[in-house]
Protein backbone atom coordinates (compact mmCIF):
# COMPACT_ATOMS: atom_id res chain seq x y z
CA MET A 1 15.20 -8.37 22.11
CA ASP A 2 14.28 -11.14 19.66
CA PHE A 3 12.17 -9.90 16.77
CA LYS A 4 11.98 -13.28 15.05
CA PHE A 5 8.63 -14.85 14.22
CA GLY A 6 7.80 -18.32 15.52
CA GLU A 7 8.17 -21.53 13.52
CA LYS A 8 4.46 -21.55 12.69
CA GLU A 9 4.69 -18.14 11.03
CA GLU A 10 7.95 -19.01 9.26
CA GLN A 11 6.41 -22.19 7.88
CA LEU A 12 3.53 -20.11 6.58
CA ARG A 13 6.01 -17.79 4.88
CA ARG A 14 7.66 -20.75 3.17
CA GLU A 15 4.29 -22.03 1.97
CA ILE A 16 3.35 -18.61 0.55
CA ARG A 17 6.70 -18.34 -1.25
CA GLU A 18 6.15 -21.74 -2.81
CA PHE A 19 2.61 -20.76 -3.76
CA ALA A 20 3.87 -17.58 -5.42
CA LYS A 21 6.51 -19.55 -7.32
CA GLU A 22 3.91 -21.99 -8.64
CA GLU A 23 1.01 -19.64 -9.35
CA LEU A 24 2.58 -16.37 -10.54
CA PRO A 25 4.14 -15.89 -13.98
CA PRO A 26 7.97 -16.02 -14.13
CA GLY A 27 9.54 -12.71 -13.16
CA TRP A 28 6.25 -11.40 -11.77
CA LEU A 29 6.51 -7.91 -10.28
CA ALA A 30 3.24 -6.17 -9.51
CA ALA A 31 2.68 -2.44 -9.80
CA MET A 32 0.67 -0.88 -7.01
CA LEU A 33 -3.14 -0.97 -7.50
CA GLU A 34 -2.82 -2.28 -11.06
CA GLU A 35 -5.26 -5.18 -10.64
CA GLU A 36 -8.33 -2.94 -10.87
CA ASN A 37 -7.21 -1.23 -14.07
CA SER A 38 -7.62 -3.76 -16.88
CA ASP A 39 -10.00 -6.66 -17.42
CA GLU A 40 -7.04 -8.99 -17.89
CA ASP A 41 -5.43 -8.01 -14.58
CA TRP A 42 -8.76 -8.14 -12.78
CA GLY A 43 -9.53 -11.59 -14.14
CA PHE A 44 -6.16 -12.86 -12.91
CA ALA A 45 -6.71 -11.23 -9.51
CA MET A 46 -10.07 -12.97 -9.09
CA THR A 47 -8.51 -16.30 -10.06
CA MET A 48 -5.93 -15.77 -7.34
CA SER A 49 -8.62 -14.77 -4.83
CA GLY A 50 -10.26 -18.14 -5.39
CA LYS A 51 -6.98 -19.99 -4.90
CA LEU A 52 -6.20 -18.04 -1.75
CA ALA A 53 -9.66 -18.93 -0.45
CA GLU A 54 -9.05 -22.61 -1.21
CA LYS A 55 -5.83 -22.40 0.81
CA GLY A 56 -7.72 -20.80 3.68
CA TRP A 57 -5.49 -17.73 3.54
CA LEU A 58 -7.83 -15.09 2.13
CA THR A 59 -9.61 -14.48 5.44
CA MET A 60 -7.30 -16.52 7.62
CA SER A 61 -7.61 -14.40 10.78
CA TRP A 62 -11.41 -14.43 10.74
CA PRO A 63 -13.23 -16.77 13.13
CA VAL A 64 -13.97 -20.22 11.71
CA GLU A 65 -17.73 -19.65 11.85
CA TYR A 66 -17.36 -16.73 9.43
CA GLY A 67 -15.19 -18.53 6.89
CA GLY A 68 -11.77 -17.99 8.43
CA LYS A 69 -9.18 -20.23 10.07
CA GLY A 70 -8.97 -18.47 13.39
CA ALA A 71 -5.30 -17.75 12.65
CA SER A 72 -3.29 -15.57 15.01
CA LEU A 73 -2.56 -11.92 14.35
CA TRP A 74 1.09 -12.86 13.90
CA GLU A 75 0.20 -15.34 11.17
CA GLN A 76 -1.91 -12.64 9.53
CA LEU A 77 1.04 -10.22 9.59
CA ALA A 78 3.36 -12.83 8.09
CA TYR A 79 0.82 -13.54 5.35
CA SER A 80 0.29 -9.84 4.59
CA GLU A 81 4.04 -9.19 4.32
CA GLU A 82 4.74 -12.17 2.09
CA ALA A 83 1.73 -11.71 -0.17
CA ALA A 84 2.66 -8.07 -0.73
CA TYR A 85 6.33 -8.85 -1.28
CA TRP A 86 5.54 -11.32 -4.04
CA GLY A 87 2.77 -9.15 -5.45
CA ILE A 88 0.04 -11.76 -5.09
CA PRO A 89 -3.13 -10.08 -6.44
CA GLY A 90 -6.68 -10.58 -5.23
CA VAL A 91 -5.97 -10.44 -1.51
CA GLY A 92 -8.48 -7.68 -0.69
CA MET A 93 -11.71 -8.69 -2.44
CA GLY A 94 -12.00 -5.25 -3.98
CA ILE A 95 -11.44 -2.29 -1.71
CA GLY A 96 -12.12 -3.26 1.88
CA GLY A 97 -13.89 -6.61 1.62
CA VAL A 98 -11.33 -8.52 3.65
CA ASP A 99 -9.67 -5.73 5.63
CA TRP A 100 -12.51 -3.61 7.03
CA VAL A 101 -15.93 -4.57 5.67
CA GLY A 102 -15.72 -8.09 7.10
CA PRO A 103 -14.32 -7.10 10.53
CA SER A 104 -16.81 -4.20 10.80
CA LEU A 105 -19.72 -6.50 9.98
CA MET A 106 -18.56 -8.85 12.71
CA MET A 107 -18.64 -5.96 15.18
CA PHE A 108 -21.82 -4.14 14.13
CA GLY A 109 -23.73 -6.15 11.54
CA SER A 110 -26.93 -8.06 12.13
CA GLU A 111 -26.84 -11.84 12.02
CA GLU A 112 -28.63 -11.66 8.68
CA LEU A 113 -25.92 -9.45 7.17
CA LYS A 114 -23.13 -11.58 8.63
CA LYS A 115 -24.59 -14.80 7.25
CA LYS A 116 -25.13 -13.25 3.83
CA HIS A 117 -21.92 -11.34 3.23
CA LEU A 118 -19.08 -12.87 5.24
CA PRO A 119 -19.18 -16.25 3.42
CA LEU A 120 -19.26 -14.42 0.07
CA ILE A 121 -16.09 -12.49 0.92
CA ALA A 122 -14.36 -15.61 2.24
CA SER A 123 -15.26 -17.54 -0.92
CA GLY A 124 -13.02 -15.41 -3.15
CA LYS A 125 -15.77 -15.19 -5.75
CA PRO A 126 -16.94 -12.08 -7.64
CA ASP A 127 -20.12 -11.71 -5.57
CA GLY A 128 -17.90 -11.05 -2.55
CA VAL A 129 -16.13 -8.01 -4.06
CA TRP A 130 -16.63 -4.60 -2.41
CA CYS A 131 -16.03 -0.92 -2.93
CA THR A 132 -16.00 1.71 -0.19
CA ALA A 133 -17.83 5.00 -0.76
CA TYR A 134 -16.91 7.76 1.70
CA SER A 135 -15.51 10.77 -0.21
CA GLU A 136 -17.79 13.35 -1.81
CA PRO A 137 -17.06 16.21 -4.25
CA ASN A 138 -17.73 19.04 -1.79
CA ALA A 139 -16.82 17.40 1.50
CA GLY A 140 -13.05 17.91 1.45
CA SER A 141 -11.05 15.87 3.95
CA ASP A 142 -13.67 16.28 6.69
CA PHE A 143 -15.65 13.05 6.74
CA ALA A 144 -18.47 14.71 8.66
CA ASN A 145 -19.26 16.97 5.68
CA ILE A 146 -20.89 14.20 3.65
CA ARG A 147 -24.29 15.02 2.12
CA THR A 148 -25.42 11.79 0.42
CA SER A 149 -28.75 11.07 2.06
CA ALA A 150 -30.69 7.94 2.95
CA ILE A 151 -34.30 8.67 3.90
CA ARG A 152 -36.34 5.94 5.58
CA GLU A 153 -39.62 5.06 3.88
CA LYS A 154 -41.37 2.10 5.52
CA ASP A 155 -39.02 -0.87 5.12
CA GLU A 156 -36.63 0.84 2.69
CA TYR A 157 -34.07 3.62 2.51
CA ILE A 158 -34.09 5.91 -0.51
CA ILE A 159 -30.55 7.05 -1.30
CA ASN A 160 -29.58 10.17 -3.24
CA GLY A 161 -26.17 11.72 -3.70
CA GLN A 162 -22.74 11.37 -5.23
CA LYS A 163 -19.49 9.77 -4.16
CA ILE A 164 -16.07 10.32 -5.70
CA TRP A 165 -12.67 8.57 -5.80
CA THR A 166 -14.50 5.29 -5.24
CA SER A 167 -11.88 2.65 -5.96
CA ALA A 168 -13.05 -0.60 -7.57
CA ALA A 169 -16.65 0.61 -7.97
CA HIS A 170 -16.50 -0.67 -11.56
CA ARG A 171 -15.56 -4.13 -10.25
CA ALA A 172 -17.58 -4.38 -7.05
CA ARG A 173 -20.85 -6.18 -6.39
CA TRP A 174 -21.42 -4.42 -3.06
CA CYS A 175 -20.82 -0.93 -1.72
CA TRP A 176 -19.94 -0.03 1.87
CA LEU A 177 -21.68 3.33 1.88
CA ALA A 178 -21.54 6.22 4.35
CA VAL A 179 -24.76 8.27 4.24
CA ARG A 180 -26.60 10.94 6.19
CA THR A 181 -29.81 9.57 7.72
CA ASP A 182 -30.63 12.62 9.87
CA LEU A 183 -30.49 15.83 7.84
CA ASN A 184 -31.24 17.97 10.88
CA ALA A 185 -28.72 16.57 13.35
CA PRO A 186 -27.37 19.33 15.67
CA LYS A 187 -23.76 18.35 14.97
CA LYS A 188 -22.51 17.29 11.56
CA HIS A 189 -20.82 14.10 12.78
CA GLN A 190 -24.17 12.99 14.10
CA GLY A 191 -26.84 11.60 11.82
CA ILE A 192 -24.43 9.46 9.77
CA SER A 193 -25.10 5.78 9.07
CA VAL A 194 -23.57 2.89 7.15
CA ILE A 195 -25.68 1.08 4.56
CA ILE A 196 -24.84 -1.78 2.21
CA VAL A 197 -25.87 -1.21 -1.41
CA ASP A 198 -26.02 -3.77 -4.19
CA MET A 199 -24.13 -2.14 -7.06
CA LYS A 200 -26.63 -3.71 -9.48
CA SER A 201 -29.46 -1.68 -7.94
CA LYS A 202 -31.56 0.55 -10.17
CA GLY A 203 -30.37 4.15 -9.92
CA VAL A 204 -26.67 3.39 -9.32
CA THR A 205 -24.42 4.90 -11.99
CA VAL A 206 -20.65 4.37 -12.08
CA ARG A 207 -18.45 6.65 -14.18
CA PRO A 208 -14.69 6.16 -14.55
CA LEU A 209 -12.12 8.66 -13.29
CA ILE A 210 -8.81 7.98 -15.04
CA ASN A 211 -5.93 9.20 -12.91
CA TYR A 212 -2.91 11.07 -14.25
CA ALA A 213 -0.92 7.84 -14.54
CA GLY A 214 -3.55 6.49 -16.91
CA TYR A 215 -4.99 3.93 -14.47
CA HIS A 216 -8.70 3.29 -14.08
CA ILE A 217 -8.79 2.81 -10.34
CA PHE A 218 -11.16 5.55 -9.24
CA ASN A 219 -14.77 6.22 -10.11
CA GLU A 220 -17.54 8.63 -9.32
CA VAL A 221 -20.77 6.96 -8.24
CA PHE A 222 -24.22 8.52 -8.47
CA PHE A 223 -27.22 7.39 -6.42
CA ASP A 224 -30.55 8.50 -7.84
CA ASP A 225 -33.54 7.35 -5.75
CA VAL A 226 -31.81 4.04 -5.05
CA ARG A 227 -34.07 1.87 -2.91
CA VAL A 228 -32.32 -0.34 -0.39
CA PRO A 229 -33.93 -2.68 2.16
CA SER A 230 -33.79 -1.26 5.67
CA THR A 231 -32.20 -4.54 6.74
CA ASN A 232 -29.05 -3.39 4.88
CA LEU A 233 -28.40 -0.86 7.62
CA VAL A 234 -25.19 -1.76 9.46
CA GLY A 235 -25.50 -1.33 13.21
CA LYS A 236 -27.66 1.48 14.55
CA GLU A 237 -29.12 4.33 12.56
CA ASN A 238 -27.22 7.60 13.12
CA ASN A 239 -24.40 5.73 14.85
CA GLY A 240 -22.26 5.60 11.73
CA TRP A 241 -19.58 8.03 12.88
CA TYR A 242 -18.63 5.76 15.79
CA GLN A 243 -18.75 2.65 13.60
CA LEU A 244 -16.77 4.23 10.78
CA MET A 245 -13.97 5.25 13.12
CA HIS A 246 -13.53 1.55 13.82
CA SER A 247 -13.67 0.76 10.10
CA LEU A 248 -11.03 3.40 9.37
CA GLY A 249 -8.90 1.90 12.13
CA PHE A 250 -9.10 -1.48 10.40
CA GLU A 251 -8.26 0.17 7.07
CA ARG A 252 -5.25 2.05 8.40
CA GLY A 253 -4.12 -1.01 10.33
CA SER A 254 -4.07 -3.09 7.15
CA VAL A 255 -1.43 -0.83 5.62
CA ALA A 256 1.55 -1.74 7.81
CA GLY A 257 2.15 -5.38 6.89
CA ARG A 258 1.41 -5.01 3.19
CA GLY A 259 3.27 -1.72 2.94
CA CYS A 260 6.33 -3.24 4.57
CA GLY A 261 6.30 -6.25 2.26
CA TYR A 262 5.82 -4.21 -0.92
CA ASN A 263 8.38 -1.57 0.05
CA ARG A 264 10.93 -4.26 0.81
CA ARG A 265 10.38 -5.86 -2.62
CA ILE A 266 10.83 -2.54 -4.47
CA LEU A 267 13.99 -1.86 -2.45
CA ASP A 268 15.39 -5.32 -3.26
CA GLU A 269 14.69 -4.73 -6.95
CA LEU A 270 16.42 -1.34 -6.83
CA VAL A 271 19.47 -2.82 -5.08
CA GLN A 272 19.72 -5.53 -7.72
CA TYR A 273 19.31 -2.96 -10.50
CA ALA A 274 22.04 -0.79 -8.99
CA LYS A 275 24.42 -3.76 -8.81
CA GLU A 276 23.71 -4.93 -12.36
CA ASN A 277 24.18 -1.44 -13.79
CA HIS A 278 27.36 -0.60 -11.85
CA LEU A 279 25.65 2.08 -9.80
CA PHE A 280 26.42 0.45 -6.47
CA ARG A 281 30.01 1.67 -6.59
CA GLU A 282 28.73 5.21 -5.95
CA LYS A 283 28.77 5.99 -2.25
CA GLU A 284 25.77 8.33 -2.38
CA ILE A 285 23.58 5.63 -3.96
CA ARG A 286 24.69 3.02 -1.41
CA HIS A 287 23.87 5.40 1.42
CA LYS A 288 20.42 6.22 0.04
CA LEU A 289 19.54 2.55 -0.37
CA ALA A 290 20.92 1.76 3.09
CA ASP A 291 18.78 4.53 4.59
CA MET A 292 15.72 3.00 2.91
CA ALA A 293 16.59 -0.41 4.35
CA VAL A 294 16.71 1.09 7.84
CA LEU A 295 13.37 2.85 7.36
CA ILE A 296 11.65 -0.28 6.08
CA GLU A 297 13.01 -2.35 8.97
CA THR A 298 11.74 0.34 11.33
CA GLN A 299 8.36 0.12 9.61
CA ARG A 300 8.35 -3.62 10.23
CA ILE A 301 9.11 -3.16 13.92
CA LEU A 302 6.32 -0.61 14.28
CA ALA A 303 3.92 -3.03 12.60
CA CYS A 304 5.00 -5.72 15.03
CA GLU A 305 4.41 -3.38 17.97
CA THR A 306 0.84 -2.71 16.83
CA ILE A 307 0.17 -6.44 16.41
CA TRP A 308 1.76 -7.18 19.78
CA LYS A 309 -0.53 -4.70 21.52
CA MET A 310 -3.57 -6.19 19.78
CA SER A 311 -2.47 -9.70 20.75
CA LYS A 312 -2.44 -8.56 24.39
CA GLY A 313 -6.05 -7.40 24.15
CA SER A 314 -5.30 -3.71 23.62
CA ASN A 315 -7.23 -1.66 21.05
CA PRO A 316 -4.64 0.58 19.37
CA VAL A 317 -5.93 4.09 18.77
CA TYR A 318 -3.09 6.11 17.26
CA GLU A 319 -0.80 3.30 16.13
CA PRO A 320 -2.66 2.52 12.87
CA SER A 321 -2.47 6.22 11.97
CA ARG A 322 1.24 6.26 12.78
CA ASP A 323 1.87 3.17 10.69
CA LYS A 324 -0.14 4.59 7.79
CA VAL A 325 1.71 7.95 7.77
CA PHE A 326 5.09 6.23 8.03
CA ASN A 327 4.23 4.02 5.06
CA ASP A 328 3.21 7.09 3.05
CA GLN A 329 6.55 8.75 3.79
CA ILE A 330 8.51 5.62 2.89
CA ALA A 331 6.60 5.23 -0.38
CA GLU A 332 7.42 8.82 -1.30
CA ARG A 333 11.13 8.50 -0.54
CA LEU A 334 11.34 5.12 -2.26
CA ALA A 335 9.69 6.51 -5.39
CA ILE A 336 11.99 9.55 -5.53
CA ILE A 337 15.15 7.50 -4.94
CA GLY A 338 13.97 4.92 -7.47
CA THR A 339 13.32 7.44 -10.23
CA GLY A 340 16.74 8.93 -9.57
CA LEU A 341 18.36 5.52 -9.97
CA LEU A 342 16.51 4.73 -13.18
CA GLY A 343 17.31 8.12 -14.68
CA MET A 344 15.64 8.72 -18.02
CA TYR A 345 14.10 5.25 -17.94
CA SER A 346 11.85 6.55 -15.16
CA GLN A 347 10.08 8.73 -17.71
CA MET A 348 8.51 5.73 -19.42
CA ASP A 349 4.72 5.45 -19.35
CA PRO A 350 3.98 3.09 -16.43
CA LEU A 351 1.24 1.48 -18.52
CA GLN A 352 3.85 0.33 -21.06
CA ARG A 353 5.13 -2.37 -18.74
CA LYS A 354 6.16 -4.75 -21.54
CA SER A 355 8.33 -2.25 -23.40
CA LYS A 356 12.04 -3.10 -23.60
CA TRP A 357 12.76 0.40 -22.28
CA THR A 358 10.65 -0.06 -19.14
CA LYS A 359 12.69 -1.09 -16.12
CA LEU A 360 11.40 -3.10 -13.15
CA LYS A 361 8.05 -3.60 -14.93
CA GLY A 362 7.17 0.07 -14.48
CA CYS A 363 6.71 -0.32 -10.72
CA VAL A 364 8.91 2.61 -9.76
CA GLU A 365 7.18 4.96 -12.21
CA ALA A 366 3.77 3.80 -10.97
CA LEU A 367 4.80 4.37 -7.37
CA TYR A 368 6.06 7.86 -8.21
CA TRP A 369 2.78 8.79 -9.88
CA LEU A 370 0.64 7.26 -7.15
CA PHE A 371 2.30 8.22 -3.87
CA PRO A 372 0.53 11.61 -3.53
CA GLY A 373 -2.82 9.85 -3.73
CA ILE A 374 -1.70 7.14 -1.32
CA ALA A 375 -1.05 9.84 1.28
CA ILE A 376 -4.68 10.98 0.99
CA ALA A 377 -6.40 7.57 1.08
CA ALA A 378 -7.93 6.50 4.43
CA GLY A 379 -7.41 10.05 5.74
CA THR A 380 -4.79 12.61 4.81
CA ASP A 381 -1.44 12.53 6.58
CA GLU A 382 -2.39 15.79 8.31
CA VAL A 383 -5.53 14.17 9.77
CA GLU A 384 -3.50 11.12 10.83
CA MET A 385 -0.87 13.29 12.53
CA ASN A 386 -3.60 15.07 14.48
CA ILE A 387 -4.68 11.66 15.77
CA ILE A 388 -1.08 10.79 16.67
CA GLY A 389 -0.63 14.11 18.45
CA GLN A 390 -3.89 13.91 20.39
CA PHE A 391 -3.90 10.24 21.40
CA GLY A 392 -0.23 9.27 21.14
CA LEU A 393 1.53 12.38 22.42
CA LYS A 394 -1.42 13.67 24.52
CA LEU A 395 -1.23 17.10 22.91
CA PRO A 396 -4.21 19.44 22.79
CA LYS A 397 -6.37 19.40 19.67
CA SER A 398 -5.07 21.49 16.79
CA TYR A 399 -8.52 21.78 15.21
């Protein structure tokens, strides 16, 4: 079986590599999720978003009428892999703008919302940056437990509640918000809706949550009598659960290509480090790195299978969950092997990336600190494995 990409995709890869060589600083190696942390990194990311938009790559797989190029899914996969490998920042337009807000709006949004927001995302400009607000302090991992309410009053919704772990809320112009619009729904997954909120609205308060690695990625967001036009409702009222399952599918599906590209880059850096520091002569280290190479190649094949099914008109149900869990497991193993290779150097503060004692720009340390959180984002691995068991293996529900 030939797993090679076509000439069109390979040409795109060459163009992205040349772009990265020209636009990124010499020796650039990006740490995961770092672009949201500092103003300097965020400014550079937004500059790159604009350049990606000019190239037509930022939303390349979107239809032309919505600001895309109508590129194939295979081209999108090649772009995702290469952009992640080289650490090109600014590819997501915040958290979700490109990967799930845009595609979900195309499926469920009104023409008014499509015309307003899709061009903004495709432009690569700050007014097209999004955050995604699902998690709540007392909801746990059960999405249906959310309590943030949106009560209809004439031509407005009045929103009250709190969200937590909201990545990029301190950078975003718009919020993709899950709310409860029917407080008396007979089942908790009913009565949920999706509403778009301008983060500049009166009553929106964003407070930073600094994680244990020292990064400002997360935030808690408070909504106090925030008034939003009823036209900002996405799709049908109380139909949010169905819509959000599609959005989560887009989110989980976006992990495979980028995860594969980033994991491959970290592995290549570790192999080079091992060779330069005479660690490669040790059989155990060679075997561990070889095992990682096999896992990452397997990850790539699984990503290709998901894209292949989509290209044939299928709507993958469990595959995005499978790809997401596999990426989480690879990130964990890669981080543990990497810290072992670096030894005491792995104890450096990942924020001190310019220190002479920091190896590989602090990427391995950052990955080690962040992989537990990665396994929770977009649904815990336990939730994902339930989906795999139910829809992939046809097992009875375990919950």
